[in-house]
């Protein structure tokens, strides 16, 4: 009883059995790949672009880049005030560095004077303070010495006087010994009496400055 033909590689070509490249195995693989590609192409064709997408992309690209925020501008008077304050601060600092010392009014110094002594040519009047031996201080060195109204005070032999200055062109005076002189000294007594002493009434040996014009 026969059982039919055996599969021994004789039917359907050579090289049968597992691992061979022939038979229905190769055809099924190619068909599956082709079917997958067809489905992917169909799905890609069915994809639709959402309405308005391209317009939204364009509008997004046109949006302006945000500008940097500007600092608030100062008002002109505020700037001027700041500049003035800076200048004042600098000036104050400079003044503090170079500031002068305290300035005070210095009192005028005493007028320089020369000490001279009264000389009486009469020997009898060189002692005591008799009125008959008093010598006159004149008010005006250019007026007559013996004039009634030309008397500023009295002095005696040996009195120390402070001579401020001298005039050399005053009225000529002659003493009891016959000595003459046109020099007159502006003097002040120890009691504060001021007047002009004739040059013949002293034996001064020290230099006395000449009186300025406003004193004459």
N, C-alpha and C. Protein backbone atom coordinates (compact mmCIF):
# COMPACT_ATOMS: atom_id res chain seq x y z
N UNK A 1 0.89 -1.16 0.00
CA UNK A 1 0.00 0.00 0.00
C UNK A 1 0.91 1.18 0.00
N UNK A 2 0.68 1.96 -1.02
CA UNK A 2 1.60 3.08 -1.12
C UNK A 2 1.19 4.24 -0.23
N UNK A 3 2.18 5.08 0.21
CA UNK A 3 1.93 6.23 1.11
C UNK A 3 2.22 7.54 0.44
N UNK A 4 2.47 7.57 -0.89
CA UNK A 4 2.73 8.83 -1.61
C UNK A 4 4.19 9.12 -1.68
N UNK A 5 4.51 10.10 -2.42
CA UNK A 5 5.93 10.45 -2.60
C UNK A 5 6.55 11.05 -1.35
N UNK A 6 7.86 10.78 -1.12
CA UNK A 6 8.57 11.32 0.05
C UNK A 6 9.25 12.63 -0.30
N UNK A 7 9.37 13.53 0.70
CA UNK A 7 10.07 14.82 0.50
C UNK A 7 11.54 14.58 0.76
N UNK A 8 12.23 14.45 -0.37
CA UNK A 8 13.63 14.14 -0.21
C UNK A 8 14.48 15.10 -0.97
N UNK A 9 13.90 16.27 -1.30
CA UNK A 9 14.69 17.28 -2.02
C UNK A 9 14.59 17.12 -3.49
N UNK A 10 13.87 16.09 -4.02
CA UNK A 10 13.81 15.94 -5.46
C UNK A 10 12.76 16.78 -6.08
N UNK A 11 11.70 17.16 -5.35
CA UNK A 11 10.59 17.93 -5.90
C UNK A 11 10.75 19.37 -5.48
N UNK A 12 10.51 20.33 -6.37
CA UNK A 12 10.57 21.77 -6.04
C UNK A 12 11.94 22.32 -6.13
N UNK A 13 12.88 21.65 -6.61
CA UNK A 13 14.24 22.21 -6.80
C UNK A 13 15.19 21.68 -5.78
N UNK A 14 16.43 21.93 -6.04
CA UNK A 14 17.49 21.41 -5.17
C UNK A 14 17.67 22.26 -3.96
N UNK A 15 18.35 21.66 -3.02
CA UNK A 15 18.72 22.41 -1.80
C UNK A 15 17.60 22.59 -0.86
N UNK A 16 16.64 21.59 -0.77
CA UNK A 16 15.55 21.72 0.18
C UNK A 16 15.99 21.54 1.59
N UNK A 17 15.03 21.68 2.46
CA UNK A 17 15.33 21.50 3.87
C UNK A 17 15.55 22.82 4.56
N UNK A 18 15.76 22.83 5.85
CA UNK A 18 15.93 24.07 6.64
C UNK A 18 17.14 24.82 6.19
N UNK A 19 17.02 26.18 6.16
CA UNK A 19 18.15 27.05 5.79
C UNK A 19 18.26 27.25 4.33
N UNK A 20 17.48 26.62 3.47
CA UNK A 20 17.58 26.82 2.04
C UNK A 20 16.92 28.09 1.63
N UNK A 21 17.37 28.77 0.51
CA UNK A 21 16.82 30.07 0.09
C UNK A 21 15.61 29.92 -0.74
N UNK A 22 15.16 28.77 -1.15
CA UNK A 22 13.99 28.62 -2.00
C UNK A 22 12.75 28.41 -1.22
N UNK A 23 11.64 28.06 -1.91
CA UNK A 23 10.36 27.76 -1.28
C UNK A 23 9.57 29.01 -1.04
N UNK A 24 8.44 28.97 -0.27
CA UNK A 24 7.54 30.08 -0.01
C UNK A 24 8.05 31.04 1.05
N UNK A 25 9.09 30.70 1.72
CA UNK A 25 9.60 31.59 2.79
C UNK A 25 10.06 32.93 2.25
N UNK A 26 10.77 33.00 1.12
CA UNK A 26 11.29 34.26 0.56
C UNK A 26 10.16 35.11 0.00
N UNK A 27 9.20 34.61 -0.63
CA UNK A 27 8.10 35.39 -1.19
C UNK A 27 7.27 36.07 -0.13
N UNK A 28 7.04 35.39 1.00
CA UNK A 28 6.23 35.99 2.07
C UNK A 28 6.93 37.19 2.67
N UNK A 29 8.31 37.19 2.80
CA UNK A 29 9.03 38.32 3.38
C UNK A 29 8.95 39.54 2.51
N UNK A 30 9.06 39.38 1.19
CA UNK A 30 9.00 40.52 0.29
C UNK A 30 7.62 41.14 0.29
N UNK A 31 6.62 40.32 0.38
CA UNK A 31 5.26 40.86 0.37
C UNK A 31 4.98 41.69 1.63
N UNK A 32 5.47 41.21 2.78
CA UNK A 32 5.23 41.95 4.03
C UNK A 32 5.91 43.32 4.00
N UNK A 33 7.14 43.37 3.44
CA UNK A 33 7.85 44.65 3.38
C UNK A 33 7.15 45.62 2.46
N UNK A 34 6.70 45.11 1.35
CA UNK A 34 5.99 45.97 0.41
C UNK A 34 4.70 46.50 1.01
N UNK A 35 3.99 45.60 1.75
CA UNK A 35 2.75 46.03 2.37
C UNK A 35 2.98 47.13 3.41
N UNK A 36 4.10 46.99 4.19
CA UNK A 36 4.40 48.00 5.23
C UNK A 36 4.70 49.36 4.61
N UNK A 37 5.45 49.35 3.52
CA UNK A 37 5.78 50.62 2.84
C UNK A 37 4.54 51.27 2.28
N UNK A 38 3.64 50.45 1.76
CA UNK A 38 2.41 51.00 1.19
C UNK A 38 1.57 51.67 2.27
N UNK A 39 1.51 50.99 3.44
CA UNK A 39 0.71 51.56 4.54
C UNK A 39 1.31 52.87 5.06
N UNK A 40 2.67 52.92 5.17
CA UNK A 40 3.32 54.16 5.64
C UNK A 40 3.08 55.31 4.67
N UNK A 41 3.16 55.01 3.38
CA UNK A 41 2.92 56.05 2.38
C UNK A 41 1.49 56.55 2.45
N UNK A 42 0.57 55.62 2.66
CA UNK A 42 -0.84 56.00 2.73
C UNK A 42 -1.09 56.86 3.97
N UNK A 43 -0.45 56.46 5.13
CA UNK A 43 -0.65 57.24 6.35
C UNK A 43 -0.05 58.65 6.21
N UNK A 44 1.12 58.77 5.51
CA UNK A 44 1.75 60.07 5.33
C UNK A 44 0.91 60.99 4.47
N UNK A 45 0.24 60.34 3.45
CA UNK A 45 -0.61 61.14 2.58
C UNK A 45 -1.87 61.61 3.29
N UNK A 46 -2.29 60.84 4.33
CA UNK A 46 -3.51 61.22 5.03
C UNK A 46 -3.30 62.28 6.11
N UNK A 47 -1.99 62.59 6.40
CA UNK A 47 -1.74 63.63 7.41
C UNK A 47 -2.06 64.99 6.83
N UNK A 48 -2.87 65.79 7.51
CA UNK A 48 -3.27 67.12 7.05
C UNK A 48 -2.68 68.20 7.97
N UNK A 49 -2.26 69.32 7.37
CA UNK A 49 -1.72 70.46 8.14
C UNK A 49 -2.86 71.19 8.84
N UNK A 50 -2.77 71.44 10.15
CA UNK A 50 -3.84 72.16 10.86
C UNK A 50 -4.06 73.52 10.23
N UNK A 51 -5.31 73.94 10.13
CA UNK A 51 -5.60 75.24 9.51
C UNK A 51 -5.00 76.40 10.30
N UNK A 52 -4.36 77.36 9.56
CA UNK A 52 -3.79 78.57 10.18
C UNK A 52 -2.42 78.38 10.79
N UNK A 53 -1.83 77.14 10.63
CA UNK A 53 -0.52 76.90 11.25
C UNK A 53 0.56 77.79 10.65
N UNK A 54 0.61 77.86 9.32
CA UNK A 54 1.67 78.68 8.69
C UNK A 54 1.51 80.16 9.02
N UNK A 55 0.30 80.67 9.14
CA UNK A 55 0.10 82.08 9.50
C UNK A 55 0.61 82.36 10.92
N UNK A 56 0.34 81.39 11.84
CA UNK A 56 0.81 81.59 13.20
C UNK A 56 2.35 81.59 13.26
N UNK A 57 2.98 80.72 12.45
CA UNK A 57 4.45 80.68 12.44
C UNK A 57 5.02 82.00 11.92
N UNK A 58 4.40 82.56 10.85
CA UNK A 58 4.87 83.83 10.29
C UNK A 58 4.72 84.97 11.30
N UNK A 59 3.55 85.01 11.99
CA UNK A 59 3.33 86.09 12.96
C UNK A 59 4.32 85.99 14.12
N UNK A 60 4.61 84.75 14.51
CA UNK A 60 5.59 84.59 15.60
C UNK A 60 6.96 85.10 15.18
N UNK A 61 7.38 84.88 13.93
CA UNK A 61 8.68 85.36 13.46
C UNK A 61 8.74 86.87 13.32
N UNK A 62 7.58 87.53 13.17
CA UNK A 62 7.56 88.99 13.01
C UNK A 62 7.49 89.75 14.32
N UNK A 63 7.32 89.09 15.44
CA UNK A 63 7.21 89.80 16.71
C UNK A 63 8.50 90.57 17.01
N UNK A 64 8.42 91.87 17.36
CA UNK A 64 9.63 92.69 17.62
C UNK A 64 10.37 92.21 18.86
N UNK A 65 11.70 92.33 18.77
CA UNK A 65 12.53 91.97 19.91
C UNK A 65 12.35 93.04 20.99
N UNK A 66 12.07 92.65 22.23
CA UNK A 66 11.86 93.66 23.29
C UNK A 66 13.11 94.50 23.50
N UNK A 67 12.91 95.82 23.49
CA UNK A 67 14.04 96.74 23.66
C UNK A 67 14.42 96.84 25.14
N UNK A 68 15.70 97.19 25.36
CA UNK A 68 16.17 97.35 26.75
C UNK A 68 15.48 98.54 27.39
N UNK A 69 15.10 98.38 28.62
CA UNK A 69 14.41 99.46 29.33
C UNK A 69 15.36 100.63 29.55
N UNK A 70 14.92 101.83 29.16
CA UNK A 70 15.75 103.03 29.32
C UNK A 70 15.61 103.57 30.74
N UNK A 71 16.75 104.07 31.26
CA UNK A 71 16.72 104.67 32.60
C UNK A 71 15.96 105.98 32.56
N UNK A 72 15.29 106.34 33.62
CA UNK A 72 14.56 107.62 33.64
C UNK A 72 15.52 108.79 33.52
N UNK A 73 15.20 109.73 32.64
CA UNK A 73 16.04 110.91 32.41
C UNK A 73 15.88 111.90 33.55
N UNK A 74 17.03 112.44 33.98
CA UNK A 74 16.97 113.45 35.05
C UNK A 74 16.51 114.78 34.49
N UNK A 75 15.79 115.47 35.30
CA UNK A 75 15.33 116.79 34.89
C UNK A 75 16.49 117.78 34.89
N UNK A 76 16.45 118.79 34.01
CA UNK A 76 17.58 119.75 33.92
C UNK A 76 17.91 120.41 35.25
N UNK A 77 16.88 120.82 36.01
CA UNK A 77 17.20 121.51 37.27
C UNK A 77 17.82 120.56 38.27
N UNK A 78 17.46 119.28 38.22
CA UNK A 78 18.08 118.31 39.12
C UNK A 78 19.55 118.12 38.78
N UNK A 79 19.86 118.07 37.47
CA UNK A 79 21.26 117.93 37.06
C UNK A 79 22.05 119.15 37.49
N UNK A 80 21.48 120.36 37.27
CA UNK A 80 22.19 121.59 37.66
C UNK A 80 22.42 121.63 39.17
N UNK A 81 21.44 121.19 39.93
CA UNK A 81 21.58 121.18 41.39
C UNK A 81 22.68 120.22 41.83
N UNK A 82 22.75 119.06 41.18
CA UNK A 82 23.79 118.09 41.53
C UNK A 82 25.17 118.63 41.19
N UNK A 83 25.31 119.29 40.02
CA UNK A 83 26.60 119.87 39.64
C UNK A 83 27.01 120.96 40.61
N UNK A 84 26.06 121.83 40.98
CA UNK A 84 26.38 122.91 41.92
C UNK A 84 26.82 122.35 43.27
N UNK A 85 26.16 121.29 43.72
CA UNK A 85 26.55 120.69 45.00
C UNK A 85 27.95 120.11 44.93
N UNK A 86 28.28 119.48 43.79
CA UNK A 86 29.62 118.91 43.64
C UNK A 86 30.68 120.00 43.63
N UNK A 87 30.41 121.10 42.90
CA UNK A 87 31.37 122.21 42.86
C UNK A 87 31.56 122.81 44.25
N UNK A 88 30.46 122.98 44.98
CA UNK A 88 30.56 123.54 46.33
C UNK A 88 31.37 122.63 47.25
N UNK A 89 31.19 121.31 47.10
CA UNK A 89 31.95 120.38 47.94
C UNK A 89 33.44 120.46 47.65
N UNK A 90 33.78 120.54 46.33
CA UNK A 90 35.19 120.65 45.96
C UNK A 90 35.78 121.95 46.49
N UNK A 91 35.04 123.06 46.31
CA UNK A 91 35.54 124.35 46.79
C UNK A 91 35.74 124.34 48.30
N UNK A 92 34.81 123.72 49.01
CA UNK A 92 34.93 123.65 50.46
C UNK A 92 36.14 122.84 50.88
N UNK A 93 36.39 121.73 50.14
CA UNK A 93 37.56 120.91 50.46
C UNK A 93 38.85 121.65 50.20
N UNK A 94 38.90 122.38 49.07
CA UNK A 94 40.11 123.16 48.77
C UNK A 94 40.31 124.24 49.80
N UNK A 95 39.23 124.92 50.19
CA UNK A 95 39.36 125.99 51.19
C UNK A 95 39.84 125.43 52.52
N UNK A 96 39.36 124.23 52.88
CA UNK A 96 39.78 123.64 54.14
C UNK A 96 41.26 123.32 54.14
N UNK A 97 41.80 122.94 52.96
CA UNK A 97 43.23 122.61 52.87
C UNK A 97 44.11 123.84 52.92
N UNK A 98 43.65 124.90 52.25
CA UNK A 98 44.51 126.09 52.12
C UNK A 98 43.96 127.27 52.90
N UNK A 99 43.06 127.03 53.84
CA UNK A 99 42.41 128.12 54.57
C UNK A 99 43.46 128.95 55.32
N UNK A 100 43.31 130.27 55.35
CA UNK A 100 44.25 131.11 56.10
C UNK A 100 44.00 131.01 57.59
N UNK A 101 44.99 131.40 58.36
CA UNK A 101 44.84 131.41 59.81
C UNK A 101 43.91 132.52 60.23
N UNK A 102 43.55 132.54 61.49
CA UNK A 102 42.65 133.60 61.98
C UNK A 102 43.28 134.97 61.79
N UNK A 103 42.47 135.85 61.22
CA UNK A 103 42.94 137.21 60.96
C UNK A 103 42.31 138.14 61.98
N UNK A 104 43.11 138.85 62.67
CA UNK A 104 42.61 139.81 63.66
C UNK A 104 43.23 141.16 63.43
N UNK A 105 42.54 142.18 63.84
CA UNK A 105 43.07 143.53 63.71
C UNK A 105 44.12 143.75 64.78
N UNK A 106 45.34 144.00 64.33
CA UNK A 106 46.42 144.25 65.26
C UNK A 106 46.45 145.73 65.63
N UNK A 107 46.46 146.01 66.90
CA UNK A 107 46.52 147.42 67.29
C UNK A 107 47.84 148.05 66.83
N UNK A 108 47.73 149.29 66.42
CA UNK A 108 48.92 149.99 65.97
C UNK A 108 49.90 150.13 67.12
N UNK A 109 51.15 149.86 66.81
CA UNK A 109 52.18 149.95 67.84
C UNK A 109 52.41 151.40 68.24
N UNK A 110 52.99 151.60 69.40
CA UNK A 110 53.26 152.97 69.85
C UNK A 110 54.24 153.67 68.92
N UNK A 111 54.03 155.00 68.78
CA UNK A 111 54.91 155.78 67.93
C UNK A 111 56.31 155.81 68.52
N UNK A 112 57.30 155.54 67.69
CA UNK A 112 58.68 155.55 68.17
C UNK A 112 59.08 156.97 68.55
N UNK A 113 59.65 157.10 69.73
CA UNK A 113 60.09 158.41 70.20
C UNK A 113 61.54 158.34 70.67
N UNK A 114 62.13 159.50 70.80
CA UNK A 114 63.51 159.62 71.27
C UNK A 114 63.49 160.43 72.57
N UNK A 115 64.18 159.93 73.58
CA UNK A 115 64.22 160.63 74.86
C UNK A 115 65.25 161.78 74.80
N UNK A 116 64.77 162.95 75.14
CA UNK A 116 65.67 164.11 75.25
C UNK A 116 65.43 164.79 76.59
N UNK A 117 66.39 165.59 77.02
CA UNK A 117 66.25 166.31 78.30
C UNK A 117 66.28 167.82 78.08
N UNK A 118 65.54 168.50 78.93
CA UNK A 118 65.47 169.96 78.87
C UNK A 118 66.79 170.53 79.44
N UNK A 119 67.27 171.57 78.77
CA UNK A 119 68.49 172.25 79.25
C UNK A 119 68.21 173.74 79.39
N UNK A 120 68.51 174.26 80.59
CA UNK A 120 68.37 175.71 80.85
C UNK A 120 69.79 176.30 80.92
N UNK A 121 70.02 177.29 80.04
CA UNK A 121 71.36 177.88 79.98
C UNK A 121 71.70 178.69 81.23
N UNK A 122 70.71 179.10 82.03
CA UNK A 122 70.96 179.83 83.28
C UNK A 122 71.26 178.83 84.40
N UNK A 123 72.42 178.90 84.93
CA UNK A 123 72.82 177.97 85.98
C UNK A 123 71.96 178.09 87.22
N UNK A 124 71.50 179.29 87.52
CA UNK A 124 70.68 179.49 88.73
C UNK A 124 69.36 178.75 88.64
N UNK A 125 68.91 178.44 87.45
CA UNK A 125 67.60 177.78 87.26
C UNK A 125 67.74 176.28 87.01
N UNK A 126 68.92 175.73 87.26
CA UNK A 126 69.08 174.30 87.02
C UNK A 126 68.69 173.45 88.22
N UNK A 127 68.33 174.09 89.31
CA UNK A 127 67.83 173.37 90.48
C UNK A 127 66.50 173.97 90.89
N UNK A 128 65.66 173.16 91.46
CA UNK A 128 64.35 173.64 91.88
C UNK A 128 63.40 173.78 90.70
N UNK A 129 62.14 174.04 91.01
CA UNK A 129 61.11 174.18 89.97
C UNK A 129 60.35 175.49 90.20
N UNK A 130 61.10 176.57 90.27
CA UNK A 130 60.49 177.88 90.43
C UNK A 130 59.81 178.30 89.14
N UNK A 131 58.69 179.06 89.31
CA UNK A 131 58.00 179.54 88.11
C UNK A 131 58.91 180.45 87.29
N UNK A 132 59.82 181.21 87.97
CA UNK A 132 60.71 182.10 87.24
C UNK A 132 61.71 181.32 86.39
N UNK A 133 61.88 180.05 86.67
CA UNK A 133 62.83 179.23 85.90
C UNK A 133 62.14 178.30 84.91
N UNK A 134 60.82 178.36 84.81
CA UNK A 134 60.09 177.48 83.88
C UNK A 134 60.36 177.90 82.44
N UNK A 135 60.44 176.95 81.54
CA UNK A 135 60.62 177.17 80.10
C UNK A 135 59.33 176.78 79.38
N UNK A 136 59.03 177.52 78.34
CA UNK A 136 57.76 177.35 77.64
C UNK A 136 57.84 176.29 76.54
N UNK A 137 56.75 175.54 76.44
CA UNK A 137 56.50 174.70 75.26
C UNK A 137 55.54 175.46 74.36
N UNK A 138 55.87 175.60 73.09
CA UNK A 138 55.06 176.39 72.17
C UNK A 138 53.98 175.55 71.51
N UNK A 139 52.92 176.22 71.09
CA UNK A 139 51.87 175.57 70.30
C UNK A 139 52.25 175.49 68.83
N UNK A 140 52.96 176.51 68.34
CA UNK A 140 53.30 176.61 66.92
C UNK A 140 54.78 176.97 66.79
N UNK A 141 55.58 176.13 66.16
CA UNK A 141 57.01 176.43 66.04
C UNK A 141 57.31 177.56 65.06
N UNK A 142 56.30 177.99 64.33
CA UNK A 142 56.52 179.06 63.33
C UNK A 142 56.00 180.41 63.82
N UNK A 143 55.36 180.41 64.96
CA UNK A 143 54.86 181.67 65.54
C UNK A 143 55.89 182.24 66.52
N UNK A 144 55.78 183.53 66.86
CA UNK A 144 56.71 184.13 67.85
C UNK A 144 56.69 183.33 69.15
N UNK A 145 57.87 182.98 69.64
CA UNK A 145 57.97 182.11 70.81
C UNK A 145 57.37 182.77 72.06
N UNK A 146 57.53 184.04 72.20
CA UNK A 146 57.07 184.74 73.41
C UNK A 146 55.63 185.23 73.30
N UNK A 147 54.95 184.91 72.19
CA UNK A 147 53.56 185.38 72.04
C UNK A 147 52.69 184.80 73.15
N UNK A 148 51.72 185.65 73.64
CA UNK A 148 50.88 185.26 74.77
C UNK A 148 50.09 183.98 74.50
N UNK A 149 49.62 183.82 73.28
CA UNK A 149 48.77 182.67 72.95
C UNK A 149 49.57 181.50 72.36
N UNK A 150 50.90 181.57 72.46
CA UNK A 150 51.69 180.47 71.89
C UNK A 150 52.35 179.66 73.02
N UNK A 151 51.57 179.30 74.02
CA UNK A 151 52.08 178.52 75.14
C UNK A 151 51.27 177.24 75.28
N UNK A 152 51.94 176.09 75.28
CA UNK A 152 51.27 174.80 75.44
C UNK A 152 51.51 174.19 76.81
N UNK A 153 52.54 174.65 77.53
CA UNK A 153 52.84 174.09 78.85
C UNK A 153 54.21 174.55 79.32
N UNK A 154 54.64 174.03 80.49
CA UNK A 154 55.92 174.42 81.07
C UNK A 154 56.78 173.18 81.33
N UNK A 155 58.09 173.39 81.24
CA UNK A 155 59.05 172.35 81.58
C UNK A 155 60.21 173.01 82.34
N UNK A 156 61.03 172.17 83.03
CA UNK A 156 62.16 172.69 83.79
C UNK A 156 63.45 171.93 83.42
N UNK A 157 64.50 172.49 83.80
CA UNK A 157 65.79 171.91 83.50
C UNK A 157 65.86 170.47 84.03
N UNK A 158 66.34 169.59 83.17
CA UNK A 158 66.49 168.18 83.55
C UNK A 158 65.28 167.32 83.30
N UNK A 159 64.13 167.89 82.89
CA UNK A 159 62.94 167.06 82.60
C UNK A 159 63.21 166.16 81.38
N UNK A 160 62.80 164.92 81.50
CA UNK A 160 62.92 163.98 80.38
C UNK A 160 61.65 164.05 79.53
N UNK A 161 61.83 164.28 78.24
CA UNK A 161 60.71 164.40 77.30
C UNK A 161 60.82 163.34 76.21
N UNK A 162 59.67 162.96 75.68
CA UNK A 162 59.62 162.01 74.56
C UNK A 162 59.47 162.81 73.28
N UNK A 163 60.53 162.86 72.47
CA UNK A 163 60.49 163.62 71.22
C UNK A 163 60.04 162.71 70.08
N UNK A 164 58.98 163.13 69.43
CA UNK A 164 58.45 162.33 68.31
C UNK A 164 59.16 162.67 67.01
N UNK A 165 59.36 163.97 66.73
CA UNK A 165 59.99 164.38 65.49
C UNK A 165 60.49 165.82 65.65
N UNK A 166 61.12 166.35 64.62
CA UNK A 166 61.71 167.69 64.67
C UNK A 166 61.47 168.40 63.34
N UNK A 167 61.27 169.73 63.43
CA UNK A 167 61.25 170.57 62.22
C UNK A 167 62.52 171.44 62.27
N UNK A 168 63.09 171.63 61.13
CA UNK A 168 64.38 172.36 61.07
C UNK A 168 64.23 173.78 60.53
N UNK A 169 63.04 174.17 60.15
CA UNK A 169 62.84 175.50 59.55
C UNK A 169 61.88 176.36 60.38
N UNK A 170 61.84 176.09 61.68
CA UNK A 170 60.96 176.88 62.54
C UNK A 170 61.51 178.28 62.79
N UNK A 171 60.79 179.02 63.63
CA UNK A 171 61.24 180.37 63.97
C UNK A 171 62.54 180.30 64.78
N UNK A 172 63.48 181.19 64.46
CA UNK A 172 64.77 181.20 65.16
C UNK A 172 64.59 181.73 66.59
N UNK A 173 65.25 181.05 67.52
CA UNK A 173 65.21 181.43 68.94
C UNK A 173 66.65 181.53 69.44
N UNK A 174 66.90 182.54 70.29
CA UNK A 174 68.21 182.75 70.90
C UNK A 174 68.08 182.57 72.42
N UNK A 175 68.97 181.79 73.02
CA UNK A 175 68.90 181.60 74.47
C UNK A 175 69.77 182.65 75.18
N UNK A 176 69.85 182.56 76.52
CA UNK A 176 70.57 183.54 77.32
C UNK A 176 72.08 183.52 77.07
N UNK A 177 72.58 182.43 76.54
CA UNK A 177 74.01 182.33 76.25
C UNK A 177 74.32 182.76 74.83
N UNK A 178 73.30 183.20 74.05
CA UNK A 178 73.51 183.66 72.68
C UNK A 178 73.47 182.57 71.63
N UNK A 179 73.11 181.35 72.00
CA UNK A 179 73.02 180.25 71.00
C UNK A 179 71.68 180.35 70.30
N UNK A 180 71.69 180.21 68.96
CA UNK A 180 70.46 180.29 68.16
C UNK A 180 70.20 178.94 67.47
N UNK A 181 68.92 178.76 67.16
CA UNK A 181 68.54 177.52 66.43
C UNK A 181 67.15 177.71 65.83
N UNK A 182 66.93 177.07 64.69
CA UNK A 182 65.59 177.02 64.06
C UNK A 182 64.96 175.63 64.20
N UNK A 183 65.58 174.78 64.99
CA UNK A 183 65.06 173.42 65.19
C UNK A 183 64.05 173.43 66.34
N UNK A 184 62.95 172.75 66.13
CA UNK A 184 61.92 172.61 67.15
C UNK A 184 61.53 171.13 67.25
N UNK A 185 61.42 170.64 68.47
CA UNK A 185 61.08 169.23 68.72
C UNK A 185 59.64 169.11 69.20
N UNK A 186 58.91 168.21 68.57
CA UNK A 186 57.56 167.91 69.04
C UNK A 186 57.69 166.89 70.17
N UNK A 187 57.34 167.33 71.39
CA UNK A 187 57.60 166.50 72.56
C UNK A 187 56.33 166.29 73.38
N UNK A 188 56.42 165.29 74.27
CA UNK A 188 55.35 165.01 75.22
C UNK A 188 56.00 164.84 76.59
N UNK A 189 55.44 165.54 77.59
CA UNK A 189 55.99 165.46 78.94
C UNK A 189 55.52 164.20 79.65
N UNK A 190 56.08 163.94 80.81
CA UNK A 190 55.65 162.79 81.61
C UNK A 190 54.22 162.91 82.07
N UNK A 191 53.68 164.12 82.09
CA UNK A 191 52.28 164.33 82.47
C UNK A 191 51.33 164.31 81.28
N UNK A 192 51.88 164.06 80.09
CA UNK A 192 51.05 163.97 78.89
C UNK A 192 50.84 165.28 78.17
N UNK A 193 51.55 166.34 78.57
CA UNK A 193 51.42 167.63 77.89
C UNK A 193 52.24 167.58 76.61
N UNK A 194 51.63 168.04 75.53
CA UNK A 194 52.29 168.00 74.21
C UNK A 194 52.55 169.42 73.73
N UNK A 195 53.73 169.63 73.18
CA UNK A 195 54.07 170.95 72.64
C UNK A 195 55.41 170.90 71.92
N UNK A 196 55.89 172.12 71.50
CA UNK A 196 57.14 172.23 70.73
C UNK A 196 58.22 172.86 71.62
N UNK A 197 59.35 172.17 71.71
CA UNK A 197 60.47 172.65 72.50
C UNK A 197 61.54 173.23 71.57
N UNK A 198 61.98 174.49 71.79
CA UNK A 198 63.03 175.07 70.94
C UNK A 198 64.34 174.28 71.07
N UNK A 199 65.08 174.21 69.95
CA UNK A 199 66.34 173.45 69.97
C UNK A 199 67.35 174.01 70.95
N UNK A 200 67.25 175.33 71.28
CA UNK A 200 68.21 175.92 72.22
C UNK A 200 67.92 175.51 73.64
N UNK A 201 66.77 174.84 73.89
CA UNK A 201 66.41 174.42 75.23
C UNK A 201 66.75 172.95 75.49
N UNK A 202 67.60 172.38 74.68
CA UNK A 202 68.06 171.01 74.90
C UNK A 202 69.46 170.87 74.35
N UNK A 203 70.16 169.84 74.77
CA UNK A 203 71.48 169.51 74.23
C UNK A 203 71.44 168.09 73.68
N UNK A 204 70.50 167.89 72.82
CA UNK A 204 70.27 166.54 72.29
C UNK A 204 71.43 166.09 71.42
N UNK A 205 71.83 164.86 71.57
CA UNK A 205 72.89 164.27 70.75
C UNK A 205 72.39 163.05 69.96
N UNK A 206 71.09 162.79 70.03
CA UNK A 206 70.52 161.63 69.33
C UNK A 206 69.72 162.09 68.12
N UNK A 207 69.70 161.25 67.11
CA UNK A 207 69.00 161.59 65.87
C UNK A 207 67.49 161.45 66.08
N UNK A 208 66.77 162.49 65.67
CA UNK A 208 65.30 162.50 65.75
C UNK A 208 64.76 162.65 64.34
N UNK A 209 63.78 161.85 63.94
CA UNK A 209 63.27 161.94 62.57
C UNK A 209 62.58 163.27 62.31
N UNK A 210 62.62 163.70 61.06
CA UNK A 210 61.97 164.94 60.65
C UNK A 210 60.46 164.73 60.62
N UNK A 211 59.72 165.71 61.08
CA UNK A 211 58.26 165.60 61.13
C UNK A 211 57.68 165.56 59.72
N UNK A 212 56.65 164.72 59.50
CA UNK A 212 55.96 164.73 58.21
C UNK A 212 55.17 166.01 58.03
N UNK A 213 54.76 166.26 56.80
CA UNK A 213 54.09 167.53 56.46
C UNK A 213 52.80 167.72 57.25
N UNK A 214 52.06 166.62 57.49
CA UNK A 214 50.77 166.78 58.17
C UNK A 214 50.93 167.14 59.63
N UNK A 215 52.11 166.96 60.21
CA UNK A 215 52.32 167.31 61.61
C UNK A 215 52.66 168.78 61.75
N UNK A 216 53.25 169.36 60.72
CA UNK A 216 53.70 170.76 60.82
C UNK A 216 52.52 171.70 60.94
